[in-house]
Each structure stands twice: as C-alpha cells, then as structure tokens.
Amino acid sequence: MIRVLIADDQMLVRTGFRLILDLEDGIEVVGEAADGAECVRLATRLVPDVVLMDVRMPGLDGITATERLTAAGVSSRVLVLTTFDLDEYVFRALRAGAAGFLLKDAPREQLISAIRQVMAGDALLAPSITRRLIERFAGVGASNDDARFALLSPREGEVLHLLARGMSNGEIARALFLGDATVKTHVARLLAKLGARDRIQAIVLAYESGFIRPERT
C-alpha cells in the first residue's frame, strides 16, 4: 500500500486528489495539509511514502517545506504539483529534494503513474523539462572539477549521460545492449559514488560540475 499525504492550500483541490486516489487500489491517503508548515508536521509524524506538494501555499511554501523534509531526513518522496509551468519552480523543487514535478492539469492516469513511479525510486521529470531547466540554470560557467566524477567508470559515465537525456532504465538497457538488472546496478553504483539521493540529483550535479554539457539545438 502506497501511503500518500496531500499538501495544498485549496480544499477543493485536496478533495479532488483524495477522490481520485481513494478509487485506486494500492494507494491510501493518510493525511491532508493546507500549508507547508502543516505538511512538515504531518509528514514528520506520519512518514508517508509520497507527498503531493503544492508550490504556492501561505506561510511556508512547498519548496521550503520540501527542503525542511529533506534536511530532517524524512524518507517520504516528494512529488511537486503546480499550475505554474515555470523553470525556476522545477529547478528549485529538484534542488530542494523533490523526486519529481507534475502539473496539476495532468490526466488522472499520469498522476497515478507518477505516484507509483516515485514510490519505486525513480525520479519523474519529462525529458523536455529536463533539457529546458538544465540549459537555463545549470552548466553555466561550470568546470569539471568535482572529484566525485573521476570515480565513475566509463560505463557509469555513459549511463549518467543517458539518464540526463531522460531515458528510463529500460531505454538505457536497449541503447547500450545491456540487461535491465545491469543498468539498475550501474545506476545504483553511480548514485553511491556521487553521494546523490536519486538520479535527478545526479543529473543536476553532472550539469553543474560541467561533467555533462547542455546540448545546443
């Protein structure tokens, strides 16, 4: 059972999400929060598997709430939900420790899939958003001086480059003619070497350090 906490300042939005999730087998809504501070309190006490986190909330916003949960070591995976398709929100959310970013107008099926995906340990971010935020915010003036990247094997470096292109483990396996289990092992090892909590943080670190350069189109 995936335990979900909904954080949004609009009661109708919270109710809508709850109605959707309550109809889904294997998902249980364990709480609702109307602002970031309440979300931090509930998440710390309940430790849900996934937090659906709105960005703009009164008092403590969703990004700051995500930062506090990460700093406190709360294991919940944060899926940021917003009506604002703005790069700065995406980047700040990911830097704060979010596992994914989804617009509130996403179809029901996409919301359910997103919850299951972040629960499984994958980071959720569309390749188009990845490219846009990276080109705007990361790799500018960076130099490849992070010693952690020297620890990566050539194959792990290849896998990281493909992760940065938004590929899933299965897609990477097909691109490199490897088994899915082998790719999963490479991903786990490169995350450990970089000290990254997930593949999204590894991608951001890679661009910020200059290990990967934005592609120009």
N, C-alpha and C. Protein backbone atom coordinates (compact mmCIF):
# COMPACT_ATOMS: atom_id res chain seq x y z
N MET A 1 0.84 -1.21 0.00
CA MET A 1 0.00 0.00 0.00
C MET A 1 0.88 1.26 0.00
N ILE A 2 0.63 2.16 -0.95
CA ILE A 2 1.37 3.43 -1.02
C ILE A 2 0.61 4.46 -0.20
N ARG A 3 1.25 4.99 0.82
CA ARG A 3 0.62 5.96 1.72
C ARG A 3 0.95 7.37 1.24
N VAL A 4 -0.08 8.18 1.00
CA VAL A 4 0.09 9.50 0.39
C VAL A 4 -0.41 10.60 1.31
N LEU A 5 0.36 11.69 1.38
CA LEU A 5 -0.05 12.91 2.06
C LEU A 5 -0.24 13.99 1.01
N ILE A 6 -1.38 14.69 1.06
CA ILE A 6 -1.69 15.74 0.10
C ILE A 6 -1.49 17.10 0.76
N ALA A 7 -0.66 17.95 0.17
CA ALA A 7 -0.42 19.30 0.70
C ALA A 7 -0.82 20.33 -0.35
N ASP A 8 -1.89 21.06 -0.08
CA ASP A 8 -2.38 22.09 -1.00
C ASP A 8 -3.26 23.03 -0.20
N ASP A 9 -3.16 24.33 -0.47
CA ASP A 9 -3.93 25.29 0.32
C ASP A 9 -5.39 25.37 -0.10
N GLN A 10 -5.76 24.76 -1.22
CA GLN A 10 -7.15 24.80 -1.67
C GLN A 10 -7.85 23.50 -1.31
N MET A 11 -8.91 23.62 -0.50
CA MET A 11 -9.63 22.44 -0.03
C MET A 11 -10.22 21.63 -1.19
N LEU A 12 -10.74 22.33 -2.21
CA LEU A 12 -11.33 21.62 -3.33
C LEU A 12 -10.30 20.81 -4.09
N VAL A 13 -9.07 21.33 -4.19
CA VAL A 13 -8.00 20.59 -4.86
C VAL A 13 -7.65 19.35 -4.06
N ARG A 14 -7.51 19.51 -2.74
CA ARG A 14 -7.20 18.35 -1.88
C ARG A 14 -8.30 17.30 -1.99
N THR A 15 -9.55 17.76 -1.98
CA THR A 15 -10.67 16.83 -2.07
C THR A 15 -10.66 16.09 -3.41
N GLY A 16 -10.36 16.81 -4.47
CA GLY A 16 -10.29 16.18 -5.79
C GLY A 16 -9.22 15.12 -5.88
N PHE A 17 -8.04 15.44 -5.35
CA PHE A 17 -6.97 14.45 -5.35
C PHE A 17 -7.34 13.24 -4.52
N ARG A 18 -7.96 13.49 -3.35
CA ARG A 18 -8.33 12.38 -2.47
C ARG A 18 -9.34 11.46 -3.17
N LEU A 19 -10.34 12.05 -3.85
CA LEU A 19 -11.34 11.25 -4.55
C LEU A 19 -10.70 10.38 -5.62
N ILE A 20 -9.74 10.95 -6.33
CA ILE A 20 -9.04 10.18 -7.37
C ILE A 20 -8.25 9.04 -6.75
N LEU A 21 -7.49 9.35 -5.70
CA LEU A 21 -6.60 8.35 -5.12
C LEU A 21 -7.34 7.29 -4.34
N ASP A 22 -8.46 7.66 -3.71
CA ASP A 22 -9.23 6.68 -2.94
C ASP A 22 -9.84 5.60 -3.82
N LEU A 23 -9.98 5.89 -5.10
CA LEU A 23 -10.53 4.92 -6.04
C LEU A 23 -9.48 3.96 -6.58
N GLU A 24 -8.22 4.24 -6.28
CA GLU A 24 -7.13 3.45 -6.84
C GLU A 24 -6.67 2.38 -5.85
N ASP A 25 -6.63 1.14 -6.32
CA ASP A 25 -6.15 0.04 -5.49
C ASP A 25 -4.67 0.24 -5.17
N GLY A 26 -4.30 0.00 -3.93
CA GLY A 26 -2.90 0.06 -3.56
C GLY A 26 -2.43 1.44 -3.15
N ILE A 27 -3.33 2.42 -3.09
CA ILE A 27 -2.97 3.78 -2.67
C ILE A 27 -3.92 4.22 -1.56
N GLU A 28 -3.35 4.78 -0.51
CA GLU A 28 -4.15 5.25 0.62
C GLU A 28 -3.74 6.67 1.00
N VAL A 29 -4.70 7.59 1.07
CA VAL A 29 -4.43 8.96 1.53
C VAL A 29 -4.45 8.95 3.05
N VAL A 30 -3.31 9.28 3.65
CA VAL A 30 -3.20 9.21 5.11
C VAL A 30 -3.32 10.57 5.79
N GLY A 31 -3.35 11.65 4.99
CA GLY A 31 -3.49 12.96 5.59
C GLY A 31 -3.55 14.07 4.57
N GLU A 32 -3.99 15.26 5.03
CA GLU A 32 -4.05 16.45 4.19
C GLU A 32 -3.47 17.62 4.95
N ALA A 33 -2.78 18.50 4.23
CA ALA A 33 -2.20 19.69 4.84
C ALA A 33 -2.57 20.90 4.01
N ALA A 34 -2.90 22.02 4.68
CA ALA A 34 -3.32 23.23 3.99
C ALA A 34 -2.18 24.22 3.77
N ASP A 35 -1.02 23.94 4.34
CA ASP A 35 0.14 24.81 4.13
C ASP A 35 1.42 24.01 4.38
N GLY A 36 2.55 24.63 4.06
CA GLY A 36 3.82 23.93 4.16
C GLY A 36 4.18 23.51 5.58
N ALA A 37 3.89 24.38 6.55
CA ALA A 37 4.23 24.07 7.94
C ALA A 37 3.46 22.85 8.42
N GLU A 38 2.16 22.80 8.09
CA GLU A 38 1.35 21.65 8.49
C GLU A 38 1.84 20.39 7.79
N CYS A 39 2.27 20.54 6.53
CA CYS A 39 2.78 19.40 5.77
C CYS A 39 4.02 18.83 6.45
N VAL A 40 4.93 19.70 6.87
CA VAL A 40 6.15 19.23 7.54
C VAL A 40 5.80 18.49 8.82
N ARG A 41 4.88 19.04 9.60
CA ARG A 41 4.48 18.39 10.85
C ARG A 41 3.87 17.01 10.59
N LEU A 42 2.94 16.94 9.63
CA LEU A 42 2.28 15.68 9.35
C LEU A 42 3.22 14.66 8.74
N ALA A 43 4.06 15.10 7.81
CA ALA A 43 4.99 14.18 7.16
C ALA A 43 6.00 13.63 8.16
N THR A 44 6.43 14.47 9.09
CA THR A 44 7.38 14.02 10.11
C THR A 44 6.74 12.98 11.02
N ARG A 45 5.45 13.16 11.32
CA ARG A 45 4.75 12.24 12.22
C ARG A 45 4.27 10.97 11.49
N LEU A 46 3.72 11.14 10.30
CA LEU A 46 3.12 10.02 9.58
C LEU A 46 4.10 9.28 8.69
N VAL A 47 5.15 9.98 8.23
CA VAL A 47 6.14 9.44 7.28
C VAL A 47 5.44 8.71 6.12
N PRO A 48 4.67 9.45 5.32
CA PRO A 48 4.02 8.83 4.16
C PRO A 48 5.06 8.41 3.13
N ASP A 49 4.66 7.53 2.24
CA ASP A 49 5.58 7.12 1.17
C ASP A 49 5.78 8.25 0.17
N VAL A 50 4.70 8.96 -0.15
CA VAL A 50 4.74 10.03 -1.15
C VAL A 50 3.99 11.24 -0.62
N VAL A 51 4.57 12.43 -0.83
CA VAL A 51 3.90 13.69 -0.51
C VAL A 51 3.58 14.40 -1.82
N LEU A 52 2.29 14.68 -2.06
CA LEU A 52 1.91 15.53 -3.18
C LEU A 52 1.99 16.96 -2.69
N MET A 53 2.95 17.71 -3.19
CA MET A 53 3.30 19.01 -2.63
C MET A 53 2.99 20.16 -3.60
N ASP A 54 2.07 21.03 -3.20
CA ASP A 54 1.81 22.24 -3.97
C ASP A 54 2.98 23.21 -3.77
N VAL A 55 3.23 24.08 -4.74
CA VAL A 55 4.33 25.04 -4.63
C VAL A 55 3.89 26.27 -3.85
N ARG A 56 2.83 26.92 -4.30
CA ARG A 56 2.41 28.19 -3.70
C ARG A 56 1.38 27.94 -2.59
N MET A 57 1.84 28.05 -1.36
CA MET A 57 0.96 27.92 -0.20
C MET A 57 1.29 29.04 0.77
N PRO A 58 0.31 29.48 1.56
CA PRO A 58 0.55 30.58 2.51
C PRO A 58 1.53 30.17 3.61
N GLY A 59 2.25 31.16 4.12
CA GLY A 59 3.22 30.87 5.16
C GLY A 59 4.44 30.18 4.58
N LEU A 60 4.55 28.91 4.84
CA LEU A 60 5.68 28.12 4.34
C LEU A 60 5.30 27.52 2.99
N ASP A 61 6.03 27.90 1.94
CA ASP A 61 5.70 27.38 0.60
C ASP A 61 6.18 25.95 0.44
N GLY A 62 5.75 25.33 -0.65
CA GLY A 62 6.06 23.92 -0.88
C GLY A 62 7.53 23.63 -1.08
N ILE A 63 8.27 24.56 -1.69
CA ILE A 63 9.69 24.34 -1.92
C ILE A 63 10.43 24.32 -0.58
N THR A 64 10.13 25.31 0.27
CA THR A 64 10.79 25.37 1.58
C THR A 64 10.39 24.16 2.43
N ALA A 65 9.14 23.76 2.34
CA ALA A 65 8.70 22.58 3.08
C ALA A 65 9.46 21.34 2.62
N THR A 66 9.69 21.23 1.32
CA THR A 66 10.47 20.11 0.79
C THR A 66 11.90 20.15 1.32
N GLU A 67 12.49 21.33 1.34
CA GLU A 67 13.84 21.47 1.88
C GLU A 67 13.90 21.01 3.33
N ARG A 68 12.90 21.37 4.12
CA ARG A 68 12.90 21.01 5.54
C ARG A 68 12.73 19.50 5.73
N LEU A 69 11.90 18.89 4.91
CA LEU A 69 11.73 17.45 5.00
C LEU A 69 13.03 16.73 4.64
N THR A 70 13.71 17.22 3.60
CA THR A 70 14.98 16.62 3.20
C THR A 70 16.03 16.78 4.29
N ALA A 71 16.11 18.00 4.86
CA ALA A 71 17.09 18.27 5.91
C ALA A 71 16.82 17.43 7.16
N ALA A 72 15.54 17.14 7.43
CA ALA A 72 15.18 16.37 8.61
C ALA A 72 15.36 14.86 8.39
N GLY A 73 15.68 14.49 7.17
CA GLY A 73 15.89 13.07 6.88
C GLY A 73 14.62 12.27 6.74
N VAL A 74 13.49 12.94 6.50
CA VAL A 74 12.22 12.24 6.29
C VAL A 74 12.30 11.49 4.96
N SER A 75 11.96 10.22 4.98
CA SER A 75 12.16 9.37 3.81
C SER A 75 11.09 9.52 2.74
N SER A 76 10.06 10.29 3.00
CA SER A 76 8.97 10.45 2.03
C SER A 76 9.50 11.01 0.71
N ARG A 77 8.95 10.50 -0.39
CA ARG A 77 9.29 11.01 -1.72
C ARG A 77 8.32 12.16 -2.04
N VAL A 78 8.86 13.30 -2.45
CA VAL A 78 8.03 14.48 -2.71
C VAL A 78 7.78 14.63 -4.21
N LEU A 79 6.50 14.65 -4.56
CA LEU A 79 6.09 14.89 -5.94
C LEU A 79 5.44 16.26 -5.97
N VAL A 80 6.10 17.21 -6.61
CA VAL A 80 5.64 18.59 -6.64
C VAL A 80 4.55 18.76 -7.69
N LEU A 81 3.42 19.32 -7.26
CA LEU A 81 2.29 19.57 -8.15
C LEU A 81 2.04 21.07 -8.20
N THR A 82 1.94 21.62 -9.39
CA THR A 82 1.73 23.05 -9.51
C THR A 82 1.00 23.39 -10.80
N THR A 83 0.37 24.54 -10.82
CA THR A 83 -0.25 25.04 -12.05
C THR A 83 0.73 25.89 -12.83
N PHE A 84 1.91 26.11 -12.27
CA PHE A 84 2.87 27.03 -12.87
C PHE A 84 3.99 26.26 -13.56
N ASP A 85 3.95 26.28 -14.89
CA ASP A 85 4.95 25.57 -15.68
C ASP A 85 6.15 26.50 -15.88
N LEU A 86 6.83 26.81 -14.79
CA LEU A 86 7.94 27.74 -14.83
C LEU A 86 9.23 27.05 -14.43
N ASP A 87 10.30 27.28 -15.18
CA ASP A 87 11.55 26.59 -14.94
C ASP A 87 12.09 26.78 -13.53
N GLU A 88 11.95 28.00 -12.99
CA GLU A 88 12.54 28.24 -11.68
C GLU A 88 11.90 27.37 -10.61
N TYR A 89 10.60 27.07 -10.76
CA TYR A 89 9.95 26.19 -9.80
C TYR A 89 10.49 24.77 -9.93
N VAL A 90 10.66 24.31 -11.16
CA VAL A 90 11.19 22.97 -11.38
C VAL A 90 12.56 22.84 -10.74
N PHE A 91 13.44 23.77 -11.05
CA PHE A 91 14.81 23.69 -10.58
C PHE A 91 14.87 23.78 -9.07
N ARG A 92 14.16 24.73 -8.48
CA ARG A 92 14.18 24.88 -7.02
C ARG A 92 13.62 23.65 -6.33
N ALA A 93 12.57 23.07 -6.91
CA ALA A 93 11.97 21.88 -6.31
C ALA A 93 12.95 20.71 -6.32
N LEU A 94 13.63 20.53 -7.42
CA LEU A 94 14.58 19.42 -7.52
C LEU A 94 15.78 19.63 -6.62
N ARG A 95 16.26 20.86 -6.57
CA ARG A 95 17.37 21.16 -5.67
C ARG A 95 16.97 20.97 -4.21
N ALA A 96 15.69 21.20 -3.92
CA ALA A 96 15.21 21.06 -2.55
C ALA A 96 15.07 19.61 -2.13
N GLY A 97 15.08 18.70 -3.09
CA GLY A 97 14.99 17.29 -2.75
C GLY A 97 13.77 16.58 -3.31
N ALA A 98 13.01 17.25 -4.18
CA ALA A 98 11.83 16.61 -4.76
C ALA A 98 12.22 15.48 -5.70
N ALA A 99 11.37 14.46 -5.76
CA ALA A 99 11.63 13.33 -6.64
C ALA A 99 10.99 13.52 -8.01
N GLY A 100 10.14 14.53 -8.15
CA GLY A 100 9.50 14.74 -9.43
C GLY A 100 8.67 15.99 -9.46
N PHE A 101 8.20 16.33 -10.64
CA PHE A 101 7.48 17.58 -10.88
C PHE A 101 6.36 17.28 -11.86
N LEU A 102 5.13 17.64 -11.49
CA LEU A 102 3.99 17.34 -12.33
C LEU A 102 3.01 18.50 -12.28
N LEU A 103 2.44 18.86 -13.43
CA LEU A 103 1.44 19.92 -13.47
C LEU A 103 0.10 19.40 -12.96
N LYS A 104 -0.66 20.28 -12.30
CA LYS A 104 -1.94 19.88 -11.72
C LYS A 104 -2.96 19.46 -12.76
N ASP A 105 -2.80 19.92 -13.99
CA ASP A 105 -3.77 19.55 -15.02
C ASP A 105 -3.39 18.25 -15.73
N ALA A 106 -2.43 17.52 -15.18
CA ALA A 106 -2.05 16.23 -15.76
C ALA A 106 -3.24 15.27 -15.67
N PRO A 107 -3.40 14.39 -16.63
CA PRO A 107 -4.52 13.42 -16.59
C PRO A 107 -4.42 12.53 -15.35
N ARG A 108 -5.56 12.00 -14.94
CA ARG A 108 -5.62 11.13 -13.77
C ARG A 108 -4.61 9.99 -13.87
N GLU A 109 -4.55 9.36 -15.05
CA GLU A 109 -3.65 8.22 -15.23
C GLU A 109 -2.19 8.62 -15.02
N GLN A 110 -1.84 9.86 -15.43
CA GLN A 110 -0.47 10.32 -15.28
C GLN A 110 -0.15 10.57 -13.81
N LEU A 111 -1.13 11.08 -13.06
CA LEU A 111 -0.93 11.29 -11.64
C LEU A 111 -0.68 9.97 -10.92
N ILE A 112 -1.51 8.98 -11.20
CA ILE A 112 -1.35 7.67 -10.57
C ILE A 112 0.00 7.06 -10.94
N SER A 113 0.34 7.15 -12.23
CA SER A 113 1.62 6.61 -12.68
C SER A 113 2.79 7.33 -12.01
N ALA A 114 2.67 8.65 -11.84
CA ALA A 114 3.74 9.42 -11.20
C ALA A 114 3.95 8.97 -9.76
N ILE A 115 2.86 8.76 -9.03
CA ILE A 115 2.96 8.32 -7.64
C ILE A 115 3.65 6.96 -7.57
N ARG A 116 3.26 6.06 -8.43
CA ARG A 116 3.87 4.72 -8.42
C ARG A 116 5.34 4.79 -8.85
N GLN A 117 5.63 5.69 -9.77
CA GLN A 117 7.00 5.80 -10.27
C GLN A 117 7.95 6.32 -9.21
N VAL A 118 7.55 7.39 -8.51
CA VAL A 118 8.45 7.92 -7.47
C VAL A 118 8.52 6.97 -6.29
N MET A 119 7.45 6.23 -6.03
CA MET A 119 7.47 5.23 -4.98
C MET A 119 8.48 4.14 -5.28
N ALA A 120 8.61 3.81 -6.57
CA ALA A 120 9.55 2.77 -6.99
C ALA A 120 10.99 3.24 -6.96
N GLY A 121 11.20 4.52 -6.65
CA GLY A 121 12.56 5.02 -6.56
C GLY A 121 13.04 5.77 -7.78
N ASP A 122 12.18 5.87 -8.79
CA ASP A 122 12.55 6.62 -9.99
C ASP A 122 12.24 8.10 -9.79
N ALA A 123 12.98 8.93 -10.48
CA ALA A 123 12.69 10.36 -10.47
C ALA A 123 11.81 10.67 -11.67
N LEU A 124 10.87 11.56 -11.48
CA LEU A 124 9.90 11.85 -12.53
C LEU A 124 10.11 13.25 -13.07
N LEU A 125 10.55 13.33 -14.30
CA LEU A 125 10.72 14.62 -14.95
C LEU A 125 10.76 14.39 -16.45
N ALA A 126 9.87 15.02 -17.16
CA ALA A 126 9.82 14.84 -18.61
C ALA A 126 11.13 15.31 -19.23
N PRO A 127 11.64 14.59 -20.23
CA PRO A 127 12.89 14.99 -20.88
C PRO A 127 12.88 16.43 -21.38
N SER A 128 11.73 16.90 -21.87
CA SER A 128 11.66 18.27 -22.38
C SER A 128 11.90 19.27 -21.26
N ILE A 129 11.34 18.99 -20.06
CA ILE A 129 11.56 19.87 -18.91
C ILE A 129 13.01 19.79 -18.46
N THR A 130 13.57 18.58 -18.47
CA THR A 130 14.97 18.40 -18.08
C THR A 130 15.88 19.27 -18.93
N ARG A 131 15.72 19.17 -20.23
CA ARG A 131 16.58 19.94 -21.13
C ARG A 131 16.41 21.44 -20.91
N ARG A 132 15.16 21.87 -20.73
CA ARG A 132 14.90 23.30 -20.60
C ARG A 132 15.50 23.86 -19.32
N LEU A 133 15.30 23.17 -18.21
CA LEU A 133 15.83 23.71 -16.95
C LEU A 133 17.34 23.64 -16.92
N ILE A 134 17.92 22.57 -17.48
CA ILE A 134 19.37 22.43 -17.46
C ILE A 134 20.03 23.53 -18.29
N GLU A 135 19.50 23.79 -19.47
CA GLU A 135 20.10 24.79 -20.33
C GLU A 135 19.99 26.18 -19.73
N ARG A 136 18.94 26.39 -18.94
CA ARG A 136 18.74 27.72 -18.37
C ARG A 136 19.52 27.92 -17.06
N PHE A 137 19.58 26.88 -16.24
CA PHE A 137 20.10 27.06 -14.89
C PHE A 137 21.43 26.38 -14.59
N ALA A 138 21.80 25.35 -15.33
CA ALA A 138 22.97 24.58 -14.95
C ALA A 138 24.04 24.61 -16.02
N GLY A 139 25.26 24.32 -15.60
CA GLY A 139 26.37 24.22 -16.53
C GLY A 139 26.92 25.54 -17.00
N VAL A 140 26.37 26.65 -16.52
CA VAL A 140 26.84 27.95 -16.96
C VAL A 140 28.13 28.29 -16.23
N GLY A 141 29.20 28.33 -16.97
CA GLY A 141 30.49 28.68 -16.38
C GLY A 141 31.06 27.60 -15.49
N ALA A 142 30.48 26.38 -15.54
CA ALA A 142 30.96 25.32 -14.68
C ALA A 142 32.24 24.72 -15.22
N SER A 143 33.04 24.19 -14.34
CA SER A 143 34.25 23.48 -14.74
C SER A 143 34.21 22.10 -14.12
N ASN A 144 34.77 21.13 -14.82
CA ASN A 144 34.70 19.75 -14.37
C ASN A 144 35.74 19.51 -13.28
N ASP A 145 35.49 20.05 -12.09
CA ASP A 145 36.46 19.96 -11.01
C ASP A 145 35.93 19.18 -9.81
N ASP A 146 34.82 18.49 -9.98
CA ASP A 146 34.25 17.70 -8.89
C ASP A 146 34.91 16.33 -8.92
N ALA A 147 35.70 16.03 -7.90
CA ALA A 147 36.48 14.79 -7.86
C ALA A 147 35.60 13.55 -7.87
N ARG A 148 34.35 13.69 -7.45
CA ARG A 148 33.48 12.52 -7.40
C ARG A 148 33.27 11.90 -8.78
N PHE A 149 33.27 12.73 -9.82
CA PHE A 149 33.01 12.20 -11.15
C PHE A 149 34.17 11.38 -11.68
N ALA A 150 35.37 11.58 -11.13
CA ALA A 150 36.52 10.78 -11.53
C ALA A 150 36.38 9.34 -11.03
N LEU A 151 35.49 9.13 -10.06
CA LEU A 151 35.28 7.79 -9.52
C LEU A 151 34.41 6.93 -10.42
N LEU A 152 33.71 7.56 -11.35
CA LEU A 152 32.81 6.81 -12.23
C LEU A 152 33.59 6.01 -13.26
N SER A 153 33.14 4.79 -13.50
CA SER A 153 33.72 4.00 -14.59
C SER A 153 33.23 4.55 -15.91
N PRO A 154 33.90 4.21 -17.02
CA PRO A 154 33.41 4.69 -18.33
C PRO A 154 31.96 4.30 -18.59
N ARG A 155 31.57 3.09 -18.19
CA ARG A 155 30.20 2.65 -18.41
C ARG A 155 29.22 3.45 -17.55
N GLU A 156 29.60 3.72 -16.30
CA GLU A 156 28.75 4.53 -15.43
C GLU A 156 28.58 5.94 -15.98
N GLY A 157 29.66 6.47 -16.58
CA GLY A 157 29.56 7.78 -17.21
C GLY A 157 28.59 7.77 -18.38
N GLU A 158 28.63 6.69 -19.17
CA GLU A 158 27.68 6.54 -20.28
C GLU A 158 26.24 6.51 -19.77
N VAL A 159 26.03 5.74 -18.72
CA VAL A 159 24.68 5.63 -18.15
C VAL A 159 24.20 6.98 -17.65
N LEU A 160 25.08 7.74 -17.01
CA LEU A 160 24.70 9.05 -16.49
C LEU A 160 24.32 9.99 -17.63
N HIS A 161 25.06 9.94 -18.73
CA HIS A 161 24.72 10.79 -19.87
C HIS A 161 23.33 10.44 -20.43
N LEU A 162 23.00 9.16 -20.46
CA LEU A 162 21.70 8.75 -20.97
C LEU A 162 20.59 9.10 -19.97
N LEU A 163 20.89 9.02 -18.68
CA LEU A 163 19.92 9.47 -17.68
C LEU A 163 19.60 10.94 -17.90
N ALA A 164 20.62 11.72 -18.22
CA ALA A 164 20.44 13.16 -18.43
C ALA A 164 19.60 13.45 -19.67
N ARG A 165 19.48 12.49 -20.55
CA ARG A 165 18.62 12.65 -21.73
C ARG A 165 17.19 12.21 -21.45
N GLY A 166 16.92 11.85 -20.17
CA GLY A 166 15.57 11.48 -19.78
C GLY A 166 15.21 10.03 -20.02
N MET A 167 16.21 9.19 -20.26
CA MET A 167 15.94 7.78 -20.54
C MET A 167 15.65 7.00 -19.26
N SER A 168 14.75 6.03 -19.38
CA SER A 168 14.47 5.10 -18.29
C SER A 168 15.53 4.00 -18.29
N ASN A 169 15.51 3.16 -17.25
CA ASN A 169 16.46 2.05 -17.21
C ASN A 169 16.30 1.13 -18.41
N GLY A 170 15.05 0.87 -18.79
CA GLY A 170 14.81 0.00 -19.93
C GLY A 170 15.34 0.58 -21.23
N GLU A 171 15.15 1.87 -21.41
CA GLU A 171 15.65 2.53 -22.62
C GLU A 171 17.19 2.53 -22.65
N ILE A 172 17.79 2.74 -21.49
CA ILE A 172 19.26 2.70 -21.42
C ILE A 172 19.76 1.30 -21.72
N ALA A 173 19.08 0.30 -21.20
CA ALA A 173 19.47 -1.09 -21.45
C ALA A 173 19.47 -1.39 -22.94
N ARG A 174 18.43 -0.93 -23.63
CA ARG A 174 18.36 -1.17 -25.07
C ARG A 174 19.42 -0.39 -25.83
N ALA A 175 19.68 0.85 -25.39
CA ALA A 175 20.67 1.68 -26.08
C ALA A 175 22.09 1.12 -25.94
N LEU A 176 22.38 0.53 -24.79
CA LEU A 176 23.74 0.03 -24.52
C LEU A 176 23.85 -1.49 -24.66
N PHE A 177 22.74 -2.13 -25.07
CA PHE A 177 22.71 -3.60 -25.23
C PHE A 177 23.08 -4.30 -23.93
N LEU A 178 22.44 -3.84 -22.85
CA LEU A 178 22.65 -4.42 -21.53
C LEU A 178 21.34 -4.95 -20.98
N GLY A 179 21.42 -5.75 -19.95
CA GLY A 179 20.23 -6.21 -19.26
C GLY A 179 19.70 -5.13 -18.33
N ASP A 180 18.41 -5.17 -18.05
CA ASP A 180 17.81 -4.18 -17.14
C ASP A 180 18.47 -4.22 -15.77
N ALA A 181 18.77 -5.43 -15.27
CA ALA A 181 19.39 -5.57 -13.96
C ALA A 181 20.78 -4.94 -13.94
N THR A 182 21.50 -5.06 -15.05
CA THR A 182 22.84 -4.48 -15.13
C THR A 182 22.78 -2.96 -15.09
N VAL A 183 21.82 -2.40 -15.81
CA VAL A 183 21.66 -0.94 -15.80
C VAL A 183 21.28 -0.47 -14.40
N LYS A 184 20.39 -1.19 -13.76
CA LYS A 184 19.99 -0.83 -12.39
C LYS A 184 21.20 -0.83 -11.46
N THR A 185 22.09 -1.79 -11.64
CA THR A 185 23.31 -1.85 -10.82
C THR A 185 24.21 -0.66 -11.10
N HIS A 186 24.38 -0.31 -12.39
CA HIS A 186 25.21 0.85 -12.75
C HIS A 186 24.64 2.13 -12.13
N VAL A 187 23.32 2.28 -12.21
CA VAL A 187 22.69 3.47 -11.64
C VAL A 187 22.93 3.53 -10.14
N ALA A 188 22.74 2.42 -9.46
CA ALA A 188 22.94 2.39 -8.01
C ALA A 188 24.38 2.74 -7.65
N ARG A 189 25.32 2.24 -8.42
CA ARG A 189 26.73 2.49 -8.12
C ARG A 189 27.11 3.95 -8.38
N LEU A 190 26.61 4.52 -9.47
CA LEU A 190 26.98 5.92 -9.75
C LEU A 190 26.33 6.85 -8.74
N LEU A 191 25.13 6.52 -8.28
CA LEU A 191 24.49 7.35 -7.24
C LEU A 191 25.30 7.28 -5.96
N ALA A 192 25.79 6.09 -5.61
CA ALA A 192 26.58 5.93 -4.39
C ALA A 192 27.89 6.71 -4.49
N LYS A 193 28.54 6.64 -5.64
CA LYS A 193 29.82 7.33 -5.82
C LYS A 193 29.66 8.85 -5.77
N LEU A 194 28.53 9.34 -6.29
CA LEU A 194 28.30 10.78 -6.31
C LEU A 194 27.66 11.28 -5.02
N GLY A 195 27.20 10.35 -4.18
CA GLY A 195 26.51 10.75 -2.97
C GLY A 195 25.17 11.40 -3.29
N ALA A 196 24.55 10.96 -4.40
CA ALA A 196 23.28 11.54 -4.85
C ALA A 196 22.12 10.71 -4.33
N ARG A 197 21.05 11.36 -3.90
CA ARG A 197 19.91 10.64 -3.34
C ARG A 197 19.10 9.94 -4.43
N ASP A 198 19.14 10.46 -5.67
CA ASP A 198 18.41 9.84 -6.76
C ASP A 198 19.00 10.32 -8.07
N ARG A 199 18.44 9.83 -9.17
CA ARG A 199 19.01 10.15 -10.48
C ARG A 199 18.84 11.62 -10.85
N ILE A 200 17.79 12.25 -10.36
CA ILE A 200 17.61 13.67 -10.65
C ILE A 200 18.75 14.48 -10.04
N GLN A 201 19.08 14.21 -8.78
CA GLN A 201 20.18 14.95 -8.16
C GLN A 201 21.49 14.66 -8.88
N ALA A 202 21.69 13.43 -9.33
CA ALA A 202 22.91 13.09 -10.06
C ALA A 202 23.00 13.89 -11.36
N ILE A 203 21.87 14.04 -12.05
CA ILE A 203 21.85 14.80 -13.30
C ILE A 203 22.18 16.27 -13.05
N VAL A 204 21.55 16.85 -12.03
CA VAL A 204 21.81 18.25 -11.71
C VAL A 204 23.28 18.44 -11.34
N LEU A 205 23.83 17.55 -10.54
CA LEU A 205 25.25 17.63 -10.16
C LEU A 205 26.15 17.54 -11.40
N ALA A 206 25.78 16.65 -12.32
CA ALA A 206 26.60 16.46 -13.51
C ALA A 206 26.65 17.71 -14.37
N TYR A 207 25.51 18.37 -14.52
CA TYR A 207 25.48 19.61 -15.30
C TYR A 207 26.17 20.75 -14.57
N GLU A 208 25.92 20.85 -13.27
CA GLU A 208 26.52 21.94 -12.51
C GLU A 208 28.04 21.85 -12.47
N SER A 209 28.55 20.63 -12.45
CA SER A 209 30.01 20.45 -12.38
C SER A 209 30.65 20.59 -13.75
N GLY A 210 29.85 20.47 -14.81
CA GLY A 210 30.40 20.51 -16.16
C GLY A 210 30.72 19.14 -16.71
N PHE A 211 30.45 18.08 -15.93
CA PHE A 211 30.70 16.72 -16.42
C PHE A 211 29.87 16.44 -17.66
N ILE A 212 28.64 17.00 -17.68
CA ILE A 212 27.80 16.95 -18.87
C ILE A 212 27.50 18.38 -19.28
N ARG A 213 27.61 18.64 -20.56
CA ARG A 213 27.34 19.98 -21.10
C ARG A 213 26.00 19.98 -21.80
N PRO A 214 25.25 21.07 -21.66
CA PRO A 214 23.94 21.15 -22.35
C PRO A 214 24.12 21.06 -23.85
N GLU A 215 23.25 20.29 -24.48
CA GLU A 215 23.26 20.20 -25.93
C GLU A 215 22.62 21.43 -26.53
N ARG A 216 23.21 21.98 -27.52
CA ARG A 216 22.67 23.17 -28.18
C ARG A 216 21.95 22.73 -29.44
N THR A 217 20.72 23.23 -29.56
CA THR A 217 19.92 22.88 -30.74
C THR A 217 19.62 24.12 -31.55
